[in-house]
Amino acid sequence: RQKGRRGRSLSEGWKRVLSSIGQHGDDGATSDQIHAYCMKAGITVERHTLRSQMANYVRRGYLDRPRDGVFRLTPAGATIAQIGTSREEGDAPPKGEAS
């Protein structure tokens, strides 16, 4: 069983989902579109769980909700969604580096 990721960095899959939401610009993406992005990123998530996750990202400031059922990427979300950038704080150091 996987432990919660509270306080840890986003997975590459969720970063891809946020990036896909960002491609919608100011219009934002619907819950159905976001669910499709999750499936494409290999994230299996039920609709009610997805709503909770999106609400969590709104609280963290990664997304905003311009209207019911629509989510838009914020500048903070765009920053966190950068895939493959520098090592996140708390990640294991590369081999050969002391922790």
N, C-alpha and C. Protein backbone atom coordinates (compact mmCIF):
# COMPACT_ATOMS: atom_id res chain seq x y z
N ARG A 1 0.84 -1.19 0.00
CA ARG A 1 0.00 0.00 0.00
C ARG A 1 0.87 1.25 0.00
N GLN A 2 0.53 2.19 -0.85
CA GLN A 2 1.35 3.40 -0.97
C GLN A 2 0.97 4.42 0.10
N LYS A 3 1.98 4.98 0.74
CA LYS A 3 1.75 6.03 1.73
C LYS A 3 1.36 7.32 1.03
N GLY A 4 0.71 8.22 1.74
CA GLY A 4 0.35 9.52 1.19
C GLY A 4 1.59 10.32 0.81
N ARG A 5 1.42 11.25 -0.11
CA ARG A 5 2.56 12.05 -0.59
C ARG A 5 2.56 13.44 0.03
N ARG A 6 1.84 13.61 1.11
CA ARG A 6 1.73 14.92 1.75
C ARG A 6 3.10 15.54 1.99
N GLY A 7 3.29 16.76 1.50
CA GLY A 7 4.54 17.46 1.72
C GLY A 7 5.64 17.10 0.73
N ARG A 8 5.37 16.21 -0.20
CA ARG A 8 6.38 15.80 -1.17
C ARG A 8 6.08 16.45 -2.52
N SER A 9 7.08 16.38 -3.41
CA SER A 9 6.91 17.00 -4.72
C SER A 9 5.92 16.20 -5.57
N LEU A 10 5.40 16.85 -6.61
CA LEU A 10 4.46 16.19 -7.51
C LEU A 10 5.17 15.14 -8.34
N SER A 11 4.44 14.07 -8.66
CA SER A 11 4.98 13.04 -9.55
C SER A 11 5.07 13.61 -10.97
N GLU A 12 5.87 12.98 -11.80
CA GLU A 12 5.98 13.41 -13.19
C GLU A 12 4.62 13.31 -13.89
N GLY A 13 3.82 12.29 -13.53
CA GLY A 13 2.50 12.14 -14.13
C GLY A 13 1.60 13.33 -13.84
N TRP A 14 1.55 13.76 -12.58
CA TRP A 14 0.72 14.92 -12.22
C TRP A 14 1.27 16.20 -12.83
N LYS A 15 2.59 16.29 -12.96
CA LYS A 15 3.17 17.45 -13.65
C LYS A 15 2.69 17.50 -15.09
N ARG A 16 2.63 16.33 -15.75
CA ARG A 16 2.12 16.28 -17.13
C ARG A 16 0.66 16.70 -17.21
N VAL A 17 -0.12 16.27 -16.21
CA VAL A 17 -1.54 16.66 -16.17
C VAL A 17 -1.66 18.17 -16.02
N LEU A 18 -0.91 18.76 -15.09
CA LEU A 18 -0.96 20.22 -14.91
C LEU A 18 -0.52 20.93 -16.18
N SER A 19 0.51 20.42 -16.83
CA SER A 19 0.98 21.02 -18.08
C SER A 19 -0.11 20.98 -19.15
N SER A 20 -0.82 19.86 -19.23
CA SER A 20 -1.92 19.74 -20.20
C SER A 20 -3.04 20.73 -19.90
N ILE A 21 -3.35 20.91 -18.61
CA ILE A 21 -4.36 21.90 -18.23
C ILE A 21 -3.90 23.28 -18.68
N GLY A 22 -2.61 23.56 -18.53
CA GLY A 22 -2.07 24.85 -18.92
C GLY A 22 -2.21 25.14 -20.40
N GLN A 23 -2.27 24.11 -21.22
CA GLN A 23 -2.41 24.30 -22.67
C GLN A 23 -3.77 24.90 -23.03
N HIS A 24 -4.70 24.87 -22.10
CA HIS A 24 -6.03 25.46 -22.35
C HIS A 24 -6.05 26.96 -22.08
N GLY A 25 -4.96 27.51 -21.55
CA GLY A 25 -4.88 28.94 -21.30
C GLY A 25 -5.94 29.42 -20.34
N ASP A 26 -6.46 30.62 -20.60
CA ASP A 26 -7.44 31.24 -19.71
C ASP A 26 -8.78 30.53 -19.68
N ASP A 27 -9.07 29.74 -20.72
CA ASP A 27 -10.34 29.01 -20.76
C ASP A 27 -10.39 27.92 -19.70
N GLY A 28 -9.24 27.36 -19.36
CA GLY A 28 -9.18 26.26 -18.40
C GLY A 28 -9.64 24.96 -19.03
N ALA A 29 -9.52 23.88 -18.28
CA ALA A 29 -9.89 22.54 -18.73
C ALA A 29 -11.02 22.02 -17.87
N THR A 30 -11.92 21.27 -18.48
CA THR A 30 -13.04 20.68 -17.74
C THR A 30 -12.57 19.44 -16.98
N SER A 31 -13.37 19.02 -16.03
CA SER A 31 -13.06 17.81 -15.27
C SER A 31 -12.93 16.61 -16.21
N ASP A 32 -13.76 16.52 -17.23
CA ASP A 32 -13.68 15.41 -18.18
C ASP A 32 -12.36 15.43 -18.95
N GLN A 33 -11.93 16.61 -19.37
CA GLN A 33 -10.66 16.73 -20.07
C GLN A 33 -9.50 16.33 -19.14
N ILE A 34 -9.56 16.80 -17.90
CA ILE A 34 -8.51 16.49 -16.94
C ILE A 34 -8.47 14.99 -16.66
N HIS A 35 -9.63 14.36 -16.57
CA HIS A 35 -9.67 12.91 -16.35
C HIS A 35 -8.98 12.20 -17.51
N ALA A 36 -9.21 12.66 -18.74
CA ALA A 36 -8.55 12.06 -19.91
C ALA A 36 -7.03 12.26 -19.83
N TYR A 37 -6.58 13.43 -19.38
CA TYR A 37 -5.14 13.68 -19.23
C TYR A 37 -4.54 12.73 -18.19
N CYS A 38 -5.27 12.47 -17.12
CA CYS A 38 -4.80 11.54 -16.09
C CYS A 38 -4.60 10.15 -16.70
N MET A 39 -5.61 9.69 -17.45
CA MET A 39 -5.52 8.37 -18.06
C MET A 39 -4.31 8.30 -19.00
N LYS A 40 -4.11 9.35 -19.79
CA LYS A 40 -2.98 9.40 -20.73
C LYS A 40 -1.64 9.38 -19.99
N ALA A 41 -1.60 9.98 -18.80
CA ALA A 41 -0.37 10.03 -18.00
C ALA A 41 -0.19 8.76 -17.16
N GLY A 42 -1.11 7.81 -17.30
CA GLY A 42 -1.01 6.56 -16.55
C GLY A 42 -1.51 6.65 -15.12
N ILE A 43 -2.30 7.67 -14.83
CA ILE A 43 -2.86 7.85 -13.49
C ILE A 43 -4.30 7.35 -13.51
N THR A 44 -4.55 6.29 -12.76
CA THR A 44 -5.90 5.76 -12.64
C THR A 44 -6.56 6.44 -11.44
N VAL A 45 -7.61 7.20 -11.72
CA VAL A 45 -8.25 7.97 -10.65
C VAL A 45 -9.76 8.00 -10.89
N GLU A 46 -10.52 7.79 -9.82
CA GLU A 46 -11.97 7.89 -9.93
C GLU A 46 -12.36 9.37 -9.93
N ARG A 47 -13.54 9.65 -10.48
CA ARG A 47 -13.98 11.05 -10.62
C ARG A 47 -14.01 11.81 -9.30
N HIS A 48 -14.56 11.18 -8.25
CA HIS A 48 -14.64 11.91 -6.97
C HIS A 48 -13.24 12.15 -6.39
N THR A 49 -12.32 11.23 -6.63
CA THR A 49 -10.95 11.43 -6.17
C THR A 49 -10.28 12.54 -6.96
N LEU A 50 -10.57 12.60 -8.26
CA LEU A 50 -10.01 13.65 -9.10
C LEU A 50 -10.50 15.02 -8.63
N ARG A 51 -11.78 15.13 -8.30
CA ARG A 51 -12.31 16.41 -7.79
C ARG A 51 -11.58 16.82 -6.52
N SER A 52 -11.33 15.86 -5.63
CA SER A 52 -10.60 16.16 -4.40
C SER A 52 -9.17 16.61 -4.70
N GLN A 53 -8.53 15.94 -5.67
CA GLN A 53 -7.16 16.29 -6.03
C GLN A 53 -7.11 17.70 -6.62
N MET A 54 -8.07 18.02 -7.48
CA MET A 54 -8.11 19.36 -8.09
C MET A 54 -8.34 20.42 -7.01
N ALA A 55 -9.22 20.13 -6.05
CA ALA A 55 -9.46 21.07 -4.94
C ALA A 55 -8.18 21.26 -4.12
N ASN A 56 -7.42 20.19 -3.95
CA ASN A 56 -6.14 20.27 -3.24
C ASN A 56 -5.17 21.19 -4.00
N TYR A 57 -5.13 21.06 -5.32
CA TYR A 57 -4.24 21.91 -6.12
C TYR A 57 -4.72 23.36 -6.15
N VAL A 58 -6.02 23.59 -6.03
CA VAL A 58 -6.53 24.96 -5.89
C VAL A 58 -6.04 25.54 -4.56
N ARG A 59 -6.14 24.75 -3.47
CA ARG A 59 -5.67 25.20 -2.15
C ARG A 59 -4.17 25.50 -2.16
N ARG A 60 -3.40 24.69 -2.89
CA ARG A 60 -1.95 24.91 -2.96
C ARG A 60 -1.58 26.08 -3.87
N GLY A 61 -2.55 26.56 -4.65
CA GLY A 61 -2.29 27.69 -5.54
C GLY A 61 -1.80 27.30 -6.93
N TYR A 62 -1.84 25.98 -7.26
CA TYR A 62 -1.40 25.52 -8.58
C TYR A 62 -2.47 25.73 -9.64
N LEU A 63 -3.73 25.70 -9.22
CA LEU A 63 -4.87 25.87 -10.13
C LEU A 63 -5.81 26.90 -9.54
N ASP A 64 -6.61 27.52 -10.41
CA ASP A 64 -7.77 28.26 -9.92
C ASP A 64 -8.99 27.71 -10.64
N ARG A 65 -10.15 28.11 -10.14
CA ARG A 65 -11.41 27.56 -10.63
C ARG A 65 -12.26 28.73 -11.14
N PRO A 66 -12.14 29.05 -12.46
CA PRO A 66 -12.90 30.19 -12.98
C PRO A 66 -14.41 29.97 -12.94
N ARG A 67 -14.83 28.72 -13.02
CA ARG A 67 -16.25 28.38 -12.87
C ARG A 67 -16.35 26.90 -12.47
N ASP A 68 -17.51 26.49 -12.07
CA ASP A 68 -17.71 25.14 -11.56
C ASP A 68 -17.29 24.10 -12.59
N GLY A 69 -16.46 23.14 -12.18
CA GLY A 69 -16.04 22.06 -13.06
C GLY A 69 -14.95 22.41 -14.06
N VAL A 70 -14.38 23.62 -13.95
CA VAL A 70 -13.32 24.06 -14.86
C VAL A 70 -12.13 24.53 -14.02
N PHE A 71 -10.94 24.10 -14.42
CA PHE A 71 -9.73 24.45 -13.68
C PHE A 71 -8.72 25.06 -14.64
N ARG A 72 -8.00 26.07 -14.13
CA ARG A 72 -7.03 26.82 -14.94
C ARG A 72 -5.70 26.83 -14.20
N LEU A 73 -4.61 26.64 -14.93
CA LEU A 73 -3.28 26.63 -14.35
C LEU A 73 -2.88 28.05 -13.94
N THR A 74 -2.33 28.18 -12.74
CA THR A 74 -1.83 29.48 -12.26
C THR A 74 -0.34 29.59 -12.57
N PRO A 75 0.24 30.78 -12.41
CA PRO A 75 1.70 30.89 -12.59
C PRO A 75 2.47 29.94 -11.65
N ALA A 76 2.00 29.78 -10.42
CA ALA A 76 2.67 28.85 -9.49
C ALA A 76 2.55 27.42 -10.01
N GLY A 77 1.39 27.08 -10.57
CA GLY A 77 1.20 25.74 -11.13
C GLY A 77 2.08 25.52 -12.34
N ALA A 78 2.25 26.56 -13.15
CA ALA A 78 3.12 26.44 -14.33
C ALA A 78 4.56 26.20 -13.90
N THR A 79 4.98 26.84 -12.82
CA THR A 79 6.34 26.64 -12.31
C THR A 79 6.53 25.20 -11.83
N ILE A 80 5.58 24.70 -11.06
CA ILE A 80 5.71 23.35 -10.49
C ILE A 80 5.56 22.28 -11.58
N ALA A 81 4.87 22.59 -12.67
CA ALA A 81 4.62 21.61 -13.73
C ALA A 81 5.80 21.41 -14.67
N GLN A 82 6.85 22.20 -14.51
CA GLN A 82 8.02 22.03 -15.37
C GLN A 82 8.58 20.63 -15.17
N ILE A 83 8.58 19.85 -16.23
CA ILE A 83 8.99 18.44 -16.15
C ILE A 83 10.50 18.32 -16.34
N GLY A 84 11.11 17.51 -15.49
CA GLY A 84 12.52 17.20 -15.64
C GLY A 84 13.46 18.34 -15.31
N THR A 85 13.02 19.30 -14.53
CA THR A 85 13.90 20.41 -14.15
C THR A 85 14.73 19.98 -12.95
N SER A 86 15.24 20.91 -12.21
CA SER A 86 16.15 20.61 -11.12
C SER A 86 15.50 19.70 -10.07
N ARG A 87 16.36 19.05 -9.32
CA ARG A 87 15.94 18.14 -8.28
C ARG A 87 15.09 18.87 -7.25
N GLU A 88 13.97 18.28 -6.88
CA GLU A 88 13.10 18.88 -5.86
C GLU A 88 13.71 18.68 -4.48
N GLU A 89 13.47 19.62 -3.60
CA GLU A 89 13.95 19.49 -2.23
C GLU A 89 13.36 18.23 -1.62
N GLY A 90 14.20 17.45 -0.96
CA GLY A 90 13.72 16.23 -0.32
C GLY A 90 13.92 15.00 -1.18
N ASP A 91 14.26 15.15 -2.46
CA ASP A 91 14.56 14.00 -3.29
C ASP A 91 15.90 13.41 -2.87
N ALA A 92 16.10 12.16 -3.16
CA ALA A 92 17.38 11.52 -2.86
C ALA A 92 18.46 12.15 -3.72
N PRO A 93 19.65 12.35 -3.15
CA PRO A 93 20.73 12.92 -3.96
C PRO A 93 21.20 11.91 -4.99
N PRO A 94 21.74 12.38 -6.11
CA PRO A 94 22.27 11.46 -7.12
C PRO A 94 23.39 10.61 -6.51
N LYS A 95 23.62 9.43 -7.10
CA LYS A 95 24.68 8.55 -6.60
C LYS A 95 26.00 9.29 -6.58
N GLY A 96 26.75 9.05 -5.50
CA GLY A 96 28.05 9.69 -5.38
C GLY A 96 28.02 10.98 -4.59
N GLU A 97 26.82 11.52 -4.35
CA GLU A 97 26.71 12.74 -3.53
C GLU A 97 26.29 12.38 -2.13
N ALA A 98 26.85 13.07 -1.19
CA ALA A 98 26.45 12.85 0.21
C ALA A 98 25.10 13.50 0.46
N SER A 99 24.35 12.94 1.38
CA SER A 99 23.04 13.54 1.68
C SER A 99 23.12 14.54 2.79
